[in-house]
Amino acid sequence: MSAFDNQSICSCNHPDCYFCWLNNQSYYTTTEKTMTSKKHQFTSIDIFTKICNVANVDKEQVKSRSRKHEIVIVRQIFCYLARELTKDTDKEIGNVIERDHSSVVYSCKMVKNAFETRYCQMTQLYDKLKNALYE
């Protein structure tokens, strides 16, 4: 019998207390599972359709190899939102826009950089498109 067998889970909230840490770990795990199940209520195709409608861009234009700034921004925001709001892999997200997984990774990186540098056009469009998904 170890010294830990007779111990009950305490609630002293001391930063070094193993039992409090263990108790908090199980709480965060169940909370995280609940949040994850609510978070993934969309599919990549749903997001793609909604974004194209809200941004007034044809789906075929977004799938095309066009480098027009307006289309590229919509494509990149789609990749970021699909990664954020679905359980789909980068390959599955890329299949929706007829790209490979590396394009999805790059698009998500560009959107994150835009948030960090406060690139107004992309952040405003991102807010508009994300809000449209929840309407």
C-alpha atoms as a PDB file:
ATOM      1  CA  MET A   1       0.000   0.000   0.000  1.00  0.00           C
ATOM      2  CA  SER A   2       1.428   3.362  -0.978  1.00  0.00           C
ATOM      3  CA  ALA A   3       1.118   6.672   0.783  1.00  0.00           C
ATOM      4  CA  PHE A   4      -1.215   7.867  -1.955  1.00  0.00           C
ATOM      5  CA  ASP A   5      -3.839   5.170  -1.406  1.00  0.00           C
ATOM      6  CA  ASN A   6      -5.102   6.702   1.839  1.00  0.00           C
ATOM      7  CA  GLN A   7      -5.145  10.230   0.444  1.00  0.00           C
ATOM      8  CA  SER A   8      -8.430  11.718  -0.638  1.00  0.00           C
ATOM      9  CA  ILE A   9      -8.550  14.231  -3.451  1.00  0.00           C
ATOM     10  CA  CYS A  10      -8.124  17.549  -1.709  1.00  0.00           C
ATOM     11  CA  SER A  11      -9.088  21.031  -2.718  1.00  0.00           C
ATOM     12  CA  CYS A  12      -6.294  23.065  -1.162  1.00  0.00           C
ATOM     13  CA  ASN A  13      -5.512  24.652  -4.573  1.00  0.00           C
ATOM     14  CA  HIS A  14      -1.837  24.795  -3.719  1.00  0.00           C
ATOM     15  CA  PRO A  15       0.199  25.063  -6.953  1.00  0.00           C
ATOM     16  CA  ASP A  16       2.409  22.091  -5.996  1.00  0.00           C
ATOM     17  CA  CYS A  17      -0.409  19.775  -4.872  1.00  0.00           C
ATOM     18  CA  TYR A  18      -0.572  16.741  -7.147  1.00  0.00           C
ATOM     19  CA  PHE A  19      -4.161  15.906  -6.197  1.00  0.00           C
ATOM     20  CA  CYS A  20      -5.463  19.388  -7.009  1.00  0.00           C
ATOM     21  CA  TRP A  21      -3.588  19.293 -10.302  1.00  0.00           C
ATOM     22  CA  LEU A  22      -5.052  15.885 -11.116  1.00  0.00           C
ATOM     23  CA  ASN A  23      -8.544  17.071 -10.220  1.00  0.00           C
ATOM     24  CA  ASN A  24      -8.170  20.132 -12.481  1.00  0.00           C
ATOM     25  CA  GLN A  25      -6.795  18.003 -15.320  1.00  0.00           C
ATOM     26  CA  SER A  26      -9.883  15.824 -15.414  1.00  0.00           C
ATOM     27  CA  TYR A  27     -12.123  18.908 -15.288  1.00  0.00           C
ATOM     28  CA  TYR A  28     -10.378  20.569 -18.210  1.00  0.00           C
ATOM     29  CA  THR A  29     -10.460  17.378 -20.227  1.00  0.00           C
ATOM     30  CA  THR A  30     -14.231  16.987 -19.926  1.00  0.00           C
ATOM     31  CA  THR A  31     -14.786  20.691 -20.591  1.00  0.00           C
ATOM     32  CA  GLU A  32     -12.544  20.516 -23.639  1.00  0.00           C
ATOM     33  CA  LYS A  33     -14.472  17.512 -24.983  1.00  0.00           C
ATOM     34  CA  THR A  34     -17.751  19.395 -24.610  1.00  0.00           C
ATOM     35  CA  MET A  35     -16.355  22.449 -26.389  1.00  0.00           C
ATOM     36  CA  THR A  36     -14.915  20.323 -29.175  1.00  0.00           C
ATOM     37  CA  SER A  37     -18.234  18.624 -29.858  1.00  0.00           C
ATOM     38  CA  LYS A  38     -19.980  22.003 -30.145  1.00  0.00           C
ATOM     39  CA  LYS A  39     -17.177  23.566 -32.156  1.00  0.00           C
ATOM     40  CA  HIS A  40     -17.310  21.174 -35.102  1.00  0.00           C
ATOM     41  CA  GLN A  41     -20.821  21.661 -36.365  1.00  0.00           C
ATOM     42  CA  PHE A  42     -19.861  22.622 -39.926  1.00  0.00           C
ATOM     43  CA  THR A  43     -18.447  20.775 -42.913  1.00  0.00           C
ATOM     44  CA  SER A  44     -15.882  22.236 -45.292  1.00  0.00           C
ATOM     45  CA  ILE A  45     -18.408  22.266 -48.120  1.00  0.00           C
ATOM     46  CA  ASP A  46     -20.944  24.173 -45.987  1.00  0.00           C
ATOM     47  CA  ILE A  47     -18.323  26.770 -45.125  1.00  0.00           C
ATOM     48  CA  PHE A  48     -17.189  27.035 -48.744  1.00  0.00           C
ATOM     49  CA  THR A  49     -20.734  27.559 -50.032  1.00  0.00           C
ATOM     50  CA  LYS A  50     -21.593  30.150 -47.386  1.00  0.00           C
ATOM     51  CA  ILE A  51     -18.348  32.088 -47.864  1.00  0.00           C
ATOM     52  CA  CYS A  52     -18.765  32.248 -51.632  1.00  0.00           C
ATOM     53  CA  ASN A  53     -22.343  33.502 -51.260  1.00  0.00           C
ATOM     54  CA  VAL A  54     -21.486  36.159 -48.671  1.00  0.00           C
ATOM     55  CA  ALA A  55     -18.370  37.380 -50.524  1.00  0.00           C
ATOM     56  CA  ASN A  56     -20.244  37.424 -53.879  1.00  0.00           C
ATOM     57  CA  VAL A  57     -17.587  35.259 -55.501  1.00  0.00           C
ATOM     58  CA  ASP A  58     -18.309  32.375 -57.853  1.00  0.00           C
ATOM     59  CA  LYS A  59     -17.252  28.974 -56.531  1.00  0.00           C
ATOM     60  CA  GLU A  60     -15.412  28.216 -59.754  1.00  0.00           C
ATOM     61  CA  GLN A  61     -13.368  31.415 -59.394  1.00  0.00           C
ATOM     62  CA  VAL A  62     -12.224  30.380 -55.921  1.00  0.00           C
ATOM     63  CA  LYS A  63     -11.320  26.916 -57.222  1.00  0.00           C
ATOM     64  CA  SER A  64      -9.499  28.386 -60.227  1.00  0.00           C
ATOM     65  CA  ARG A  65      -5.801  29.276 -60.350  1.00  0.00           C
ATOM     66  CA  SER A  66      -6.664  32.978 -60.297  1.00  0.00           C
ATOM     67  CA  ARG A  67      -4.310  35.251 -58.388  1.00  0.00           C
ATOM     68  CA  LYS A  68      -6.709  38.168 -58.178  1.00  0.00           C
ATOM     69  CA  HIS A  69      -6.381  39.678 -54.735  1.00  0.00           C
ATOM     70  CA  GLU A  70     -10.086  39.483 -53.873  1.00  0.00           C
ATOM     71  CA  ILE A  71     -10.281  35.814 -54.805  1.00  0.00           C
ATOM     72  CA  VAL A  72      -7.051  34.854 -53.054  1.00  0.00           C
ATOM     73  CA  ILE A  73      -8.232  36.450 -49.803  1.00  0.00           C
ATOM     74  CA  VAL A  74     -11.534  34.560 -49.913  1.00  0.00           C
ATOM     75  CA  ARG A  75      -9.675  31.302 -50.633  1.00  0.00           C
ATOM     76  CA  GLN A  76      -7.261  31.857 -47.754  1.00  0.00           C
ATOM     77  CA  ILE A  77      -9.985  32.767 -45.297  1.00  0.00           C
ATOM     78  CA  PHE A  78     -11.939  29.669 -46.323  1.00  0.00           C
ATOM     79  CA  CYS A  79      -8.926  27.492 -45.537  1.00  0.00           C
ATOM     80  CA  TYR A  80      -8.457  29.125 -42.146  1.00  0.00           C
ATOM     81  CA  LEU A  81     -12.131  28.871 -41.180  1.00  0.00           C
ATOM     82  CA  ALA A  82     -12.408  25.284 -42.397  1.00  0.00           C
ATOM     83  CA  ARG A  83      -9.392  24.280 -40.352  1.00  0.00           C
ATOM     84  CA  GLU A  84     -10.719  26.160 -37.325  1.00  0.00           C
ATOM     85  CA  LEU A  85     -14.343  24.992 -37.459  1.00  0.00           C
ATOM     86  CA  THR A  86     -14.188  21.437 -38.821  1.00  0.00           C
ATOM     87  CA  LYS A  87     -12.466  18.181 -38.054  1.00  0.00           C
ATOM     88  CA  ASP A  88     -11.323  17.893 -41.671  1.00  0.00           C
ATOM     89  CA  THR A  89      -7.669  17.368 -42.478  1.00  0.00           C
ATOM     90  CA  ASP A  90      -5.717  19.796 -44.626  1.00  0.00           C
ATOM     91  CA  LYS A  91      -5.972  17.342 -47.523  1.00  0.00           C
ATOM     92  CA  GLU A  92      -9.787  17.227 -47.266  1.00  0.00           C
ATOM     93  CA  ILE A  93      -9.994  21.016 -47.090  1.00  0.00           C
ATOM     94  CA  GLY A  94      -7.696  21.276 -50.104  1.00  0.00           C
ATOM     95  CA  ASN A  95      -9.890  18.886 -52.080  1.00  0.00           C
ATOM     96  CA  VAL A  96     -12.812  21.297 -51.736  1.00  0.00           C
ATOM     97  CA  ILE A  97     -10.848  24.074 -53.491  1.00  0.00           C
ATOM     98  CA  GLU A  98      -8.878  21.694 -55.709  1.00  0.00           C
ATOM     99  CA  ARG A  99      -5.534  22.343 -53.998  1.00  0.00           C
ATOM    100  CA  ASP A 100      -3.098  20.188 -52.072  1.00  0.00           C
ATOM    101  CA  HIS A 101      -2.525  20.266 -48.309  1.00  0.00           C
ATOM    102  CA  SER A 102       0.487  22.584 -48.554  1.00  0.00           C
ATOM    103  CA  SER A 103      -1.703  25.320 -50.047  1.00  0.00           C
ATOM    104  CA  VAL A 104      -4.030  25.024 -47.069  1.00  0.00           C
ATOM    105  CA  VAL A 105      -1.104  25.263 -44.649  1.00  0.00           C
ATOM    106  CA  TYR A 106       0.219  28.348 -46.470  1.00  0.00           C
ATOM    107  CA  SER A 107      -3.222  29.985 -46.554  1.00  0.00           C
ATOM    108  CA  CYS A 108      -3.701  29.516 -42.818  1.00  0.00           C
ATOM    109  CA  LYS A 109      -0.249  30.949 -42.201  1.00  0.00           C
ATOM    110  CA  MET A 110      -1.080  34.031 -44.295  1.00  0.00           C
ATOM    111  CA  VAL A 111      -4.325  34.659 -42.410  1.00  0.00           C
ATOM    112  CA  LYS A 112      -2.535  34.363 -39.054  1.00  0.00           C
ATOM    113  CA  ASN A 113       0.106  36.823 -40.266  1.00  0.00           C
ATOM    114  CA  ALA A 114      -2.642  39.210 -41.352  1.00  0.00           C
ATOM    115  CA  PHE A 115      -4.143  39.076 -37.865  1.00  0.00           C
ATOM    116  CA  GLU A 116      -0.770  39.791 -36.281  1.00  0.00           C
ATOM    117  CA  THR A 117      -0.021  42.734 -38.578  1.00  0.00           C
ATOM    118  CA  ARG A 118      -3.614  43.954 -38.398  1.00  0.00           C
ATOM    119  CA  TYR A 119      -4.117  43.837 -42.151  1.00  0.00           C
ATOM    120  CA  CYS A 120      -7.505  45.568 -42.222  1.00  0.00           C
ATOM    121  CA  GLN A 121      -8.985  44.230 -45.451  1.00  0.00           C
ATOM    122  CA  MET A 122      -8.477  40.593 -44.533  1.00  0.00           C
ATOM    123  CA  THR A 123      -9.512  40.918 -40.892  1.00  0.00           C
ATOM    124  CA  GLN A 124     -12.685  42.799 -41.782  1.00  0.00           C
ATOM    125  CA  LEU A 125     -13.626  40.226 -44.400  1.00  0.00           C
ATOM    126  CA  TYR A 126     -12.793  37.408 -41.984  1.00  0.00           C
ATOM    127  CA  ASP A 127     -15.098  38.876 -39.330  1.00  0.00           C
ATOM    128  CA  LYS A 128     -17.876  39.346 -41.882  1.00  0.00           C
ATOM    129  CA  LEU A 129     -17.584  35.788 -43.217  1.00  0.00           C
ATOM    130  CA  LYS A 130     -17.295  34.134 -39.810  1.00  0.00           C
ATOM    131  CA  ASN A 131     -20.320  36.029 -38.516  1.00  0.00           C
ATOM    132  CA  ALA A 132     -22.284  34.963 -41.621  1.00  0.00           C
ATOM    133  CA  LEU A 133     -21.639  31.308 -40.781  1.00  0.00           C
ATOM    134  CA  TYR A 134     -23.443  31.657 -37.471  1.00  0.00           C
ATOM    135  CA  GLU A 135     -26.505  33.445 -38.854  1.00  0.00           C
END
